[in-house]
N, C-alpha and C. Protein backbone atom coordinates (compact mmCIF):
# COMPACT_ATOMS: atom_id res chain seq x y z
N MET A 1 -17.83 73.00 -10.44
CA MET A 1 -17.22 71.83 -11.07
C MET A 1 -18.30 70.79 -11.35
N ARG A 2 -18.25 70.24 -12.54
CA ARG A 2 -19.23 69.23 -12.94
C ARG A 2 -18.82 67.86 -12.44
N LYS A 3 -19.80 67.06 -12.08
CA LYS A 3 -19.54 65.68 -11.66
C LYS A 3 -19.55 64.76 -12.87
N LEU A 4 -18.66 63.78 -12.84
CA LEU A 4 -18.68 62.70 -13.81
C LEU A 4 -19.28 61.48 -13.13
N ILE A 5 -20.42 61.03 -13.63
CA ILE A 5 -21.16 59.93 -13.03
C ILE A 5 -21.23 58.76 -14.01
N VAL A 6 -20.80 57.61 -13.54
CA VAL A 6 -20.91 56.36 -14.30
C VAL A 6 -22.18 55.67 -13.83
N CYS A 7 -23.05 55.33 -14.77
CA CYS A 7 -24.33 54.70 -14.44
C CYS A 7 -24.51 53.46 -15.32
N ASN A 8 -24.56 52.28 -14.68
CA ASN A 8 -24.68 51.03 -15.42
C ASN A 8 -25.43 49.99 -14.61
N ILE A 9 -25.90 48.99 -15.32
CA ILE A 9 -26.49 47.82 -14.67
C ILE A 9 -25.40 46.77 -14.53
N ILE A 10 -25.42 46.04 -13.42
CA ILE A 10 -24.51 44.91 -13.24
C ILE A 10 -25.32 43.75 -12.68
N SER A 11 -24.84 42.56 -12.98
CA SER A 11 -25.52 41.37 -12.47
C SER A 11 -25.16 41.17 -11.00
N LEU A 12 -25.92 40.34 -10.33
CA LEU A 12 -25.67 40.05 -8.92
C LEU A 12 -24.27 39.48 -8.70
N ASP A 13 -23.74 38.79 -9.71
CA ASP A 13 -22.40 38.23 -9.59
C ASP A 13 -21.31 39.14 -10.18
N GLY A 14 -21.63 40.43 -10.39
CA GLY A 14 -20.63 41.43 -10.72
C GLY A 14 -20.21 41.57 -12.16
N PHE A 15 -21.08 41.16 -13.09
CA PHE A 15 -20.74 41.28 -14.50
C PHE A 15 -21.41 42.49 -15.13
N PHE A 16 -20.69 43.09 -16.10
CA PHE A 16 -21.16 44.22 -16.89
C PHE A 16 -21.98 43.72 -18.09
N SER A 17 -21.59 42.56 -18.59
CA SER A 17 -22.34 41.92 -19.68
C SER A 17 -22.15 40.41 -19.56
N GLY A 18 -22.98 39.69 -20.27
CA GLY A 18 -22.94 38.24 -20.19
C GLY A 18 -21.93 37.63 -21.14
N PRO A 19 -22.02 36.32 -21.34
CA PRO A 19 -21.09 35.60 -22.22
C PRO A 19 -21.03 36.24 -23.61
N GLY A 20 -19.82 36.35 -24.14
CA GLY A 20 -19.64 36.94 -25.47
C GLY A 20 -19.94 38.42 -25.52
N GLY A 21 -19.97 39.09 -24.38
CA GLY A 21 -20.28 40.52 -24.35
C GLY A 21 -21.76 40.82 -24.52
N ASN A 22 -22.62 39.82 -24.37
CA ASN A 22 -24.06 39.99 -24.57
C ASN A 22 -24.67 40.84 -23.46
N ILE A 23 -24.98 42.07 -23.80
CA ILE A 23 -25.56 43.01 -22.83
C ILE A 23 -27.00 42.62 -22.50
N MET A 24 -27.68 41.95 -23.42
CA MET A 24 -29.07 41.57 -23.19
C MET A 24 -29.22 40.44 -22.18
N ALA A 25 -28.10 39.84 -21.74
CA ALA A 25 -28.13 38.83 -20.69
C ALA A 25 -28.32 39.47 -19.31
N MET A 26 -28.21 40.78 -19.26
CA MET A 26 -28.30 41.47 -17.97
C MET A 26 -29.75 41.48 -17.49
N PRO A 27 -29.95 41.57 -16.16
CA PRO A 27 -31.30 41.49 -15.57
C PRO A 27 -32.06 42.82 -15.63
N PHE A 28 -32.39 43.26 -16.84
CA PHE A 28 -33.13 44.52 -17.02
C PHE A 28 -34.56 44.38 -16.53
N ASP A 29 -35.12 45.48 -16.06
CA ASP A 29 -36.56 45.60 -15.86
C ASP A 29 -36.91 47.08 -15.86
N SER A 30 -38.14 47.43 -15.52
CA SER A 30 -38.62 48.80 -15.67
C SER A 30 -37.82 49.82 -14.86
N GLY A 31 -37.25 49.44 -13.74
CA GLY A 31 -36.47 50.37 -12.94
C GLY A 31 -35.26 50.90 -13.69
N PHE A 32 -34.72 50.10 -14.59
CA PHE A 32 -33.55 50.49 -15.37
C PHE A 32 -33.85 51.72 -16.21
N SER A 33 -34.92 51.69 -16.97
CA SER A 33 -35.27 52.83 -17.83
C SER A 33 -35.67 54.04 -17.00
N ASP A 34 -36.41 53.82 -15.92
CA ASP A 34 -36.82 54.94 -15.08
C ASP A 34 -35.61 55.70 -14.55
N TYR A 35 -34.59 54.97 -14.07
CA TYR A 35 -33.43 55.66 -13.52
C TYR A 35 -32.57 56.29 -14.62
N ASN A 36 -32.46 55.63 -15.76
CA ASN A 36 -31.70 56.22 -16.86
C ASN A 36 -32.32 57.54 -17.32
N ALA A 37 -33.63 57.60 -17.40
CA ALA A 37 -34.30 58.85 -17.77
C ALA A 37 -34.01 59.93 -16.73
N GLU A 38 -34.05 59.57 -15.46
CA GLU A 38 -33.76 60.51 -14.38
C GLU A 38 -32.34 61.07 -14.52
N ARG A 39 -31.38 60.21 -14.80
CA ARG A 39 -30.00 60.65 -14.94
C ARG A 39 -29.83 61.54 -16.17
N LEU A 40 -30.45 61.17 -17.28
CA LEU A 40 -30.35 61.99 -18.49
C LEU A 40 -30.95 63.38 -18.29
N ARG A 41 -32.02 63.47 -17.52
CA ARG A 41 -32.63 64.79 -17.25
C ARG A 41 -31.67 65.70 -16.48
N ALA A 42 -30.79 65.11 -15.68
CA ALA A 42 -29.86 65.89 -14.85
C ALA A 42 -28.52 66.16 -15.54
N ALA A 43 -28.31 65.55 -16.70
CA ALA A 43 -27.01 65.63 -17.36
C ALA A 43 -26.97 66.69 -18.45
N GLY A 44 -25.76 67.15 -18.73
CA GLY A 44 -25.53 68.08 -19.83
C GLY A 44 -24.68 67.48 -20.92
N THR A 45 -23.94 66.40 -20.57
CA THR A 45 -23.06 65.73 -21.53
C THR A 45 -23.14 64.23 -21.31
N LEU A 46 -23.21 63.50 -22.41
CA LEU A 46 -23.16 62.04 -22.38
C LEU A 46 -21.82 61.63 -22.97
N LEU A 47 -21.00 60.97 -22.18
CA LEU A 47 -19.66 60.55 -22.57
C LEU A 47 -19.73 59.06 -22.89
N LEU A 48 -19.31 58.69 -24.10
CA LEU A 48 -19.44 57.31 -24.56
C LEU A 48 -18.18 56.81 -25.24
N GLY A 49 -17.95 55.52 -25.15
CA GLY A 49 -16.95 54.87 -25.98
C GLY A 49 -17.58 54.55 -27.33
N ARG A 50 -16.76 54.15 -28.28
CA ARG A 50 -17.25 53.92 -29.64
C ARG A 50 -18.33 52.86 -29.71
N GLN A 51 -18.12 51.70 -29.07
CA GLN A 51 -19.10 50.62 -29.18
C GLN A 51 -20.44 51.03 -28.60
N SER A 52 -20.44 51.67 -27.45
CA SER A 52 -21.72 52.12 -26.86
C SER A 52 -22.38 53.17 -27.73
N PHE A 53 -21.59 54.11 -28.25
CA PHE A 53 -22.15 55.14 -29.13
C PHE A 53 -22.83 54.49 -30.34
N GLU A 54 -22.13 53.56 -30.99
CA GLU A 54 -22.71 52.94 -32.18
C GLU A 54 -23.95 52.13 -31.85
N ALA A 55 -23.96 51.44 -30.72
CA ALA A 55 -25.15 50.68 -30.32
C ALA A 55 -26.31 51.61 -30.01
N PHE A 56 -26.04 52.69 -29.29
CA PHE A 56 -27.10 53.65 -28.95
C PHE A 56 -27.65 54.30 -30.21
N ARG A 57 -26.74 54.73 -31.09
CA ARG A 57 -27.18 55.43 -32.31
C ARG A 57 -28.00 54.51 -33.21
N SER A 58 -27.71 53.22 -33.21
CA SER A 58 -28.47 52.30 -34.06
C SER A 58 -29.85 51.99 -33.46
N TYR A 59 -29.99 52.17 -32.14
CA TYR A 59 -31.25 51.80 -31.47
C TYR A 59 -32.14 53.00 -31.14
N TRP A 60 -31.59 54.02 -30.47
CA TRP A 60 -32.43 55.04 -29.86
C TRP A 60 -33.18 56.00 -30.78
N PRO A 61 -32.63 56.48 -31.88
CA PRO A 61 -33.36 57.48 -32.67
C PRO A 61 -34.77 57.06 -33.09
N ALA A 62 -34.96 55.81 -33.48
CA ALA A 62 -36.27 55.35 -33.96
C ALA A 62 -37.30 55.23 -32.84
N VAL A 63 -36.86 55.14 -31.61
CA VAL A 63 -37.77 54.91 -30.49
C VAL A 63 -38.63 56.14 -30.19
N ALA A 64 -38.13 57.33 -30.47
CA ALA A 64 -38.82 58.58 -30.11
C ALA A 64 -40.25 58.65 -30.64
N GLU A 65 -40.47 58.18 -31.83
CA GLU A 65 -41.79 58.28 -32.47
C GLU A 65 -42.52 56.95 -32.53
N ASP A 66 -42.03 55.94 -31.85
CA ASP A 66 -42.64 54.61 -31.88
C ASP A 66 -43.70 54.50 -30.78
N ALA A 67 -44.96 54.61 -31.16
CA ALA A 67 -46.06 54.61 -30.19
C ALA A 67 -46.17 53.29 -29.42
N SER A 68 -45.55 52.24 -29.92
CA SER A 68 -45.61 50.96 -29.20
C SER A 68 -44.63 50.92 -28.02
N GLN A 69 -43.73 51.88 -27.96
CA GLN A 69 -42.74 51.95 -26.88
C GLN A 69 -43.33 52.68 -25.67
N PRO A 70 -42.94 52.30 -24.46
CA PRO A 70 -43.40 53.03 -23.27
C PRO A 70 -42.94 54.49 -23.31
N ALA A 71 -43.69 55.35 -22.65
CA ALA A 71 -43.38 56.78 -22.64
C ALA A 71 -41.97 57.06 -22.16
N VAL A 72 -41.51 56.33 -21.15
CA VAL A 72 -40.16 56.57 -20.62
C VAL A 72 -39.09 56.25 -21.66
N GLU A 73 -39.31 55.23 -22.49
CA GLU A 73 -38.36 54.89 -23.55
C GLU A 73 -38.33 55.98 -24.62
N ARG A 74 -39.51 56.52 -24.96
CA ARG A 74 -39.55 57.60 -25.95
C ARG A 74 -38.86 58.85 -25.40
N GLU A 75 -39.02 59.11 -24.10
CA GLU A 75 -38.33 60.25 -23.48
C GLU A 75 -36.82 60.04 -23.52
N ILE A 76 -36.35 58.85 -23.18
CA ILE A 76 -34.92 58.56 -23.23
C ILE A 76 -34.39 58.78 -24.64
N SER A 77 -35.14 58.36 -25.65
CA SER A 77 -34.73 58.56 -27.03
C SER A 77 -34.55 60.04 -27.34
N ARG A 78 -35.52 60.86 -26.95
CA ARG A 78 -35.44 62.30 -27.21
C ARG A 78 -34.28 62.94 -26.44
N LEU A 79 -34.09 62.53 -25.18
CA LEU A 79 -32.99 63.08 -24.38
C LEU A 79 -31.64 62.68 -24.97
N ASN A 80 -31.51 61.43 -25.41
CA ASN A 80 -30.26 60.97 -26.03
C ASN A 80 -29.94 61.75 -27.30
N THR A 81 -30.96 62.13 -28.04
CA THR A 81 -30.75 62.88 -29.28
C THR A 81 -30.28 64.30 -29.00
N THR A 82 -30.87 64.94 -28.01
CA THR A 82 -30.58 66.37 -27.79
C THR A 82 -29.36 66.64 -26.92
N ILE A 83 -28.95 65.69 -26.10
CA ILE A 83 -27.82 65.92 -25.20
C ILE A 83 -26.50 66.00 -25.99
N GLU A 84 -25.56 66.79 -25.49
CA GLU A 84 -24.22 66.82 -26.08
C GLU A 84 -23.58 65.45 -25.84
N LYS A 85 -23.06 64.86 -26.92
CA LYS A 85 -22.39 63.57 -26.82
C LYS A 85 -20.91 63.74 -27.18
N VAL A 86 -20.05 63.20 -26.31
CA VAL A 86 -18.62 63.18 -26.57
C VAL A 86 -18.24 61.71 -26.66
N VAL A 87 -17.70 61.32 -27.81
CA VAL A 87 -17.35 59.92 -28.07
C VAL A 87 -15.83 59.79 -28.07
N VAL A 88 -15.32 58.92 -27.20
CA VAL A 88 -13.89 58.67 -27.14
C VAL A 88 -13.59 57.50 -28.07
N SER A 89 -12.83 57.78 -29.12
CA SER A 89 -12.54 56.75 -30.12
C SER A 89 -11.37 57.17 -30.99
N ASN A 90 -10.54 56.20 -31.30
CA ASN A 90 -9.47 56.43 -32.28
C ASN A 90 -9.91 56.08 -33.69
N SER A 91 -10.98 55.30 -33.82
CA SER A 91 -11.37 54.82 -35.15
C SER A 91 -12.48 55.65 -35.79
N LEU A 92 -13.34 56.26 -35.00
CA LEU A 92 -14.42 57.07 -35.58
C LEU A 92 -13.89 58.41 -36.06
N LYS A 93 -14.39 58.83 -37.20
CA LYS A 93 -14.04 60.14 -37.72
C LYS A 93 -15.21 61.10 -37.45
N PRO A 94 -14.95 62.39 -37.31
CA PRO A 94 -16.02 63.34 -36.99
C PRO A 94 -17.24 63.23 -37.90
N GLU A 95 -17.05 63.00 -39.19
CA GLU A 95 -18.19 62.91 -40.10
C GLU A 95 -19.02 61.64 -39.86
N GLU A 96 -18.44 60.65 -39.20
CA GLU A 96 -19.16 59.40 -38.93
C GLU A 96 -20.11 59.51 -37.74
N VAL A 97 -20.06 60.58 -36.99
CA VAL A 97 -20.96 60.73 -35.85
C VAL A 97 -22.03 61.78 -36.10
N GLU A 98 -22.05 62.35 -37.29
CA GLU A 98 -23.04 63.37 -37.62
C GLU A 98 -24.42 62.74 -37.77
N GLY A 99 -25.46 63.56 -37.52
CA GLY A 99 -26.82 63.14 -37.77
C GLY A 99 -27.58 62.66 -36.55
N TRP A 100 -26.97 62.69 -35.38
CA TRP A 100 -27.68 62.30 -34.16
C TRP A 100 -27.41 63.33 -33.07
N GLY A 101 -27.88 64.52 -33.31
CA GLY A 101 -27.71 65.58 -32.33
C GLY A 101 -26.25 65.99 -32.18
N PRO A 102 -26.00 66.87 -31.21
CA PRO A 102 -24.63 67.39 -31.04
C PRO A 102 -23.67 66.30 -30.55
N THR A 103 -22.71 65.95 -31.41
CA THR A 103 -21.79 64.86 -31.12
C THR A 103 -20.41 65.21 -31.66
N ARG A 104 -19.39 64.93 -30.84
CA ARG A 104 -18.03 65.12 -31.32
C ARG A 104 -17.16 63.96 -30.85
N VAL A 105 -16.05 63.77 -31.56
CA VAL A 105 -15.13 62.67 -31.29
C VAL A 105 -13.86 63.21 -30.65
N VAL A 106 -13.37 62.48 -29.64
CA VAL A 106 -12.12 62.80 -28.97
C VAL A 106 -11.23 61.56 -29.05
N PRO A 107 -9.99 61.69 -29.51
CA PRO A 107 -9.10 60.53 -29.53
C PRO A 107 -8.74 60.07 -28.12
N ARG A 108 -8.47 58.79 -27.96
CA ARG A 108 -8.16 58.22 -26.64
C ARG A 108 -7.00 58.94 -25.96
N ALA A 109 -5.99 59.32 -26.72
CA ALA A 109 -4.82 59.99 -26.13
C ALA A 109 -5.20 61.32 -25.49
N SER A 110 -6.28 61.93 -25.94
CA SER A 110 -6.72 63.23 -25.40
C SER A 110 -7.85 63.11 -24.40
N ALA A 111 -8.31 61.89 -24.15
CA ALA A 111 -9.53 61.70 -23.34
C ALA A 111 -9.39 62.23 -21.92
N HIS A 112 -8.30 61.96 -21.24
CA HIS A 112 -8.16 62.42 -19.85
C HIS A 112 -8.18 63.94 -19.78
N ALA A 113 -7.43 64.60 -20.66
CA ALA A 113 -7.41 66.06 -20.67
C ALA A 113 -8.78 66.63 -21.03
N GLU A 114 -9.45 66.01 -22.00
CA GLU A 114 -10.78 66.48 -22.41
C GLU A 114 -11.79 66.34 -21.28
N VAL A 115 -11.77 65.20 -20.60
CA VAL A 115 -12.71 64.97 -19.50
C VAL A 115 -12.41 65.93 -18.35
N ALA A 116 -11.14 66.13 -18.04
CA ALA A 116 -10.77 67.08 -16.98
C ALA A 116 -11.27 68.48 -17.32
N ALA A 117 -11.14 68.88 -18.57
CA ALA A 117 -11.63 70.20 -19.00
C ALA A 117 -13.15 70.28 -18.91
N LEU A 118 -13.83 69.22 -19.34
CA LEU A 118 -15.30 69.20 -19.23
C LEU A 118 -15.74 69.36 -17.78
N LYS A 119 -15.05 68.67 -16.88
CA LYS A 119 -15.40 68.72 -15.46
C LYS A 119 -15.19 70.12 -14.88
N LYS A 120 -14.18 70.83 -15.36
CA LYS A 120 -13.90 72.18 -14.84
C LYS A 120 -14.89 73.21 -15.37
N GLY A 121 -15.56 72.89 -16.45
CA GLY A 121 -16.50 73.83 -17.06
C GLY A 121 -17.78 73.96 -16.27
N LEU A 122 -18.61 74.86 -16.73
CA LEU A 122 -19.93 75.05 -16.13
C LEU A 122 -20.92 74.12 -16.82
N GLY A 123 -21.95 73.76 -16.09
CA GLY A 123 -22.99 72.94 -16.70
C GLY A 123 -23.43 71.83 -15.79
N ARG A 124 -24.27 71.01 -16.36
CA ARG A 124 -24.85 69.89 -15.62
C ARG A 124 -23.92 68.69 -15.66
N GLU A 125 -24.34 67.63 -15.03
CA GLU A 125 -23.52 66.42 -14.88
C GLU A 125 -23.02 65.88 -16.22
N ILE A 126 -21.90 65.17 -16.14
CA ILE A 126 -21.37 64.41 -17.26
C ILE A 126 -21.69 62.95 -16.95
N LEU A 127 -22.35 62.29 -17.87
CA LEU A 127 -22.87 60.96 -17.63
C LEU A 127 -22.22 59.95 -18.55
N VAL A 128 -21.88 58.79 -18.00
CA VAL A 128 -21.36 57.68 -18.80
C VAL A 128 -22.33 56.51 -18.66
N PHE A 129 -22.89 56.06 -19.78
CA PHE A 129 -23.69 54.84 -19.85
C PHE A 129 -22.87 53.82 -20.63
N GLY A 130 -23.00 52.54 -20.30
CA GLY A 130 -22.26 51.52 -21.04
C GLY A 130 -20.78 51.81 -20.94
N SER A 131 -20.08 51.75 -22.08
CA SER A 131 -18.70 52.25 -22.20
C SER A 131 -17.75 51.69 -21.14
N HIS A 132 -17.79 50.39 -20.99
CA HIS A 132 -17.03 49.68 -19.97
C HIS A 132 -15.53 50.01 -19.97
N VAL A 133 -14.90 49.94 -21.12
CA VAL A 133 -13.46 50.21 -21.21
C VAL A 133 -13.19 51.66 -20.83
N LEU A 134 -14.01 52.57 -21.32
CA LEU A 134 -13.82 53.99 -21.05
C LEU A 134 -13.96 54.31 -19.57
N TRP A 135 -15.04 53.87 -18.94
CA TRP A 135 -15.22 54.28 -17.54
C TRP A 135 -14.21 53.63 -16.61
N ASN A 136 -13.77 52.41 -16.93
CA ASN A 136 -12.72 51.80 -16.11
C ASN A 136 -11.42 52.60 -16.22
N ASP A 137 -11.10 53.08 -17.42
CA ASP A 137 -9.91 53.91 -17.63
C ASP A 137 -10.04 55.24 -16.87
N LEU A 138 -11.20 55.87 -16.95
CA LEU A 138 -11.41 57.15 -16.26
C LEU A 138 -11.39 56.97 -14.74
N LEU A 139 -11.91 55.85 -14.27
CA LEU A 139 -11.87 55.55 -12.83
C LEU A 139 -10.42 55.42 -12.36
N ALA A 140 -9.61 54.67 -13.11
CA ALA A 140 -8.21 54.49 -12.75
C ALA A 140 -7.45 55.81 -12.78
N ALA A 141 -7.87 56.73 -13.65
CA ALA A 141 -7.22 58.03 -13.78
C ALA A 141 -7.71 59.04 -12.74
N GLY A 142 -8.65 58.65 -11.90
CA GLY A 142 -9.15 59.55 -10.86
C GLY A 142 -10.13 60.60 -11.37
N LEU A 143 -10.79 60.34 -12.49
CA LEU A 143 -11.70 61.32 -13.08
C LEU A 143 -13.18 61.05 -12.80
N VAL A 144 -13.51 59.90 -12.23
CA VAL A 144 -14.90 59.56 -11.93
C VAL A 144 -15.25 60.06 -10.53
N ASP A 145 -16.39 60.74 -10.41
CA ASP A 145 -16.83 61.26 -9.12
C ASP A 145 -17.81 60.33 -8.42
N GLU A 146 -18.70 59.70 -9.20
CA GLU A 146 -19.70 58.82 -8.60
C GLU A 146 -19.93 57.61 -9.48
N LEU A 147 -20.20 56.48 -8.82
CA LEU A 147 -20.61 55.24 -9.50
C LEU A 147 -22.05 54.95 -9.09
N HIS A 148 -22.92 54.83 -10.07
CA HIS A 148 -24.32 54.47 -9.83
C HIS A 148 -24.55 53.13 -10.50
N PHE A 149 -24.70 52.09 -9.69
CA PHE A 149 -24.91 50.76 -10.24
C PHE A 149 -26.29 50.25 -9.88
N MET A 150 -27.00 49.78 -10.90
CA MET A 150 -28.26 49.10 -10.70
C MET A 150 -27.92 47.61 -10.68
N ILE A 151 -28.03 47.02 -9.51
CA ILE A 151 -27.68 45.61 -9.35
C ILE A 151 -28.94 44.79 -9.59
N GLY A 152 -28.87 43.91 -10.58
CA GLY A 152 -30.02 43.13 -10.97
C GLY A 152 -30.09 41.78 -10.28
N ALA A 153 -31.30 41.27 -10.19
CA ALA A 153 -31.54 39.97 -9.57
C ALA A 153 -31.31 38.87 -10.58
N GLY A 154 -30.08 38.80 -11.06
CA GLY A 154 -29.73 37.77 -12.04
C GLY A 154 -28.26 37.43 -11.95
N VAL A 155 -27.96 36.17 -12.17
CA VAL A 155 -26.58 35.69 -12.17
C VAL A 155 -26.28 35.25 -13.60
N VAL A 156 -25.26 35.86 -14.22
CA VAL A 156 -24.94 35.50 -15.60
C VAL A 156 -23.82 34.47 -15.69
N GLY A 157 -23.03 34.30 -14.62
CA GLY A 157 -22.03 33.25 -14.56
C GLY A 157 -20.71 33.54 -15.22
N GLU A 158 -20.75 34.22 -16.36
CA GLU A 158 -19.52 34.58 -17.06
C GLU A 158 -19.82 35.75 -17.99
N GLY A 159 -18.76 36.37 -18.45
CA GLY A 159 -18.91 37.52 -19.32
C GLY A 159 -17.84 38.55 -19.01
N VAL A 160 -18.20 39.81 -19.13
CA VAL A 160 -17.27 40.90 -18.87
C VAL A 160 -17.50 41.40 -17.45
N ARG A 161 -16.48 41.30 -16.61
CA ARG A 161 -16.58 41.78 -15.23
C ARG A 161 -16.73 43.29 -15.22
N ALA A 162 -17.50 43.80 -14.26
CA ALA A 162 -17.73 45.24 -14.18
C ALA A 162 -16.42 46.00 -13.99
N PHE A 163 -15.58 45.53 -13.09
CA PHE A 163 -14.35 46.26 -12.78
C PHE A 163 -13.14 45.58 -13.40
N GLU A 164 -12.39 46.38 -14.14
CA GLU A 164 -11.13 45.92 -14.73
C GLU A 164 -9.96 46.60 -14.02
N THR A 165 -10.25 47.48 -13.09
CA THR A 165 -9.24 48.27 -12.41
C THR A 165 -9.68 48.53 -10.98
N ARG A 166 -8.77 49.01 -10.18
CA ARG A 166 -9.10 49.43 -8.82
C ARG A 166 -9.33 50.93 -8.81
N SER A 167 -10.21 51.36 -7.96
CA SER A 167 -10.43 52.78 -7.79
C SER A 167 -9.19 53.41 -7.15
N PRO A 168 -8.80 54.62 -7.58
CA PRO A 168 -7.63 55.26 -6.98
C PRO A 168 -7.91 55.78 -5.57
N GLY A 169 -9.12 55.69 -5.14
CA GLY A 169 -9.49 56.13 -3.80
C GLY A 169 -10.51 55.16 -3.22
N SER A 170 -11.07 55.54 -2.09
CA SER A 170 -12.08 54.68 -1.48
C SER A 170 -13.46 55.05 -2.02
N LEU A 171 -14.39 54.15 -1.83
CA LEU A 171 -15.78 54.39 -2.23
C LEU A 171 -16.61 54.61 -0.98
N ARG A 172 -17.42 55.67 -1.02
CA ARG A 172 -18.30 55.96 0.12
C ARG A 172 -19.75 55.83 -0.36
N LEU A 173 -20.52 55.00 0.33
CA LEU A 173 -21.91 54.79 -0.03
C LEU A 173 -22.70 56.07 0.17
N LEU A 174 -23.35 56.55 -0.89
CA LEU A 174 -24.20 57.73 -0.79
C LEU A 174 -25.62 57.35 -0.42
N ASP A 175 -26.15 56.34 -1.11
CA ASP A 175 -27.49 55.84 -0.77
C ASP A 175 -27.82 54.60 -1.58
N THR A 176 -28.92 54.01 -1.23
CA THR A 176 -29.47 52.87 -1.97
C THR A 176 -30.93 53.18 -2.26
N ARG A 177 -31.45 52.50 -3.26
CA ARG A 177 -32.85 52.77 -3.62
C ARG A 177 -33.42 51.60 -4.39
N THR A 178 -34.70 51.37 -4.21
CA THR A 178 -35.41 50.39 -5.02
C THR A 178 -36.46 51.14 -5.83
N PHE A 179 -37.03 50.45 -6.80
CA PHE A 179 -38.02 51.05 -7.68
C PHE A 179 -39.29 50.20 -7.64
N ASP A 180 -40.44 50.85 -7.64
CA ASP A 180 -41.71 50.12 -7.63
C ASP A 180 -41.78 49.15 -8.81
N GLY A 181 -42.15 47.92 -8.53
CA GLY A 181 -42.30 46.91 -9.58
C GLY A 181 -41.00 46.44 -10.19
N SER A 182 -39.87 46.72 -9.56
CA SER A 182 -38.57 46.38 -10.11
C SER A 182 -37.79 45.53 -9.11
N SER A 183 -36.96 44.64 -9.62
CA SER A 183 -36.07 43.84 -8.78
C SER A 183 -34.67 44.44 -8.68
N LEU A 184 -34.47 45.61 -9.29
CA LEU A 184 -33.16 46.25 -9.26
C LEU A 184 -32.93 46.99 -7.95
N LEU A 185 -31.70 46.95 -7.49
CA LEU A 185 -31.27 47.72 -6.34
C LEU A 185 -30.25 48.74 -6.85
N LEU A 186 -30.54 50.01 -6.68
CA LEU A 186 -29.60 51.07 -7.06
C LEU A 186 -28.68 51.34 -5.88
N VAL A 187 -27.38 51.30 -6.14
CA VAL A 187 -26.39 51.71 -5.13
C VAL A 187 -25.57 52.84 -5.74
N ARG A 188 -25.43 53.92 -4.97
CA ARG A 188 -24.67 55.08 -5.44
C ARG A 188 -23.47 55.29 -4.51
N TYR A 189 -22.29 55.36 -5.13
CA TYR A 189 -21.05 55.56 -4.38
C TYR A 189 -20.33 56.81 -4.86
N ALA A 190 -19.77 57.56 -3.91
CA ALA A 190 -18.85 58.64 -4.23
C ALA A 190 -17.45 58.05 -4.28
N VAL A 191 -16.66 58.48 -5.24
CA VAL A 191 -15.27 58.06 -5.31
C VAL A 191 -14.44 59.13 -4.60
N GLU A 192 -13.85 58.77 -3.49
CA GLU A 192 -13.09 59.73 -2.69
C GLU A 192 -11.61 59.55 -2.93
N ARG A 193 -10.95 60.66 -3.23
CA ARG A 193 -9.51 60.61 -3.50
C ARG A 193 -8.73 61.19 -2.37
């Protein structure tokens, strides 16, 4: 059985994004990219909501060949292109996701069944980056196996709270980790049902 892992950065005061949904208000540093590359190397499927998919697709493809970008960013770009992407959206049409590696669209009404089927299949981890609405819905439905949060040394004060729902089970701390030269603290939790 494949694990579904949600991996995101959150502010010290528990926000997913800053005022007006500004993701760039988050306390990013080098540890963020290092851990995202690590997670992508272990994953077989990237599960995204429409907004995250569109933001990633507009940013990541050009990074692969940009020599001014750090090596880890270029690697993330290549991994994002080659990984299977499943986009949960009612508004995107299949032809609108073409041109950025293997990508398919699943309507919201089918998302729980599709994710359950993906989890039962063979393969590597299923990873969710960004996609706040999607992962909160999947958490409430009991489909998330692990939460990996990089807690940043920043207070944004207002914005979108990380959690919009309660977990259907308890959370068990798996481990914590810091990164050289980074102010981020990684906390990994198993969702126990």
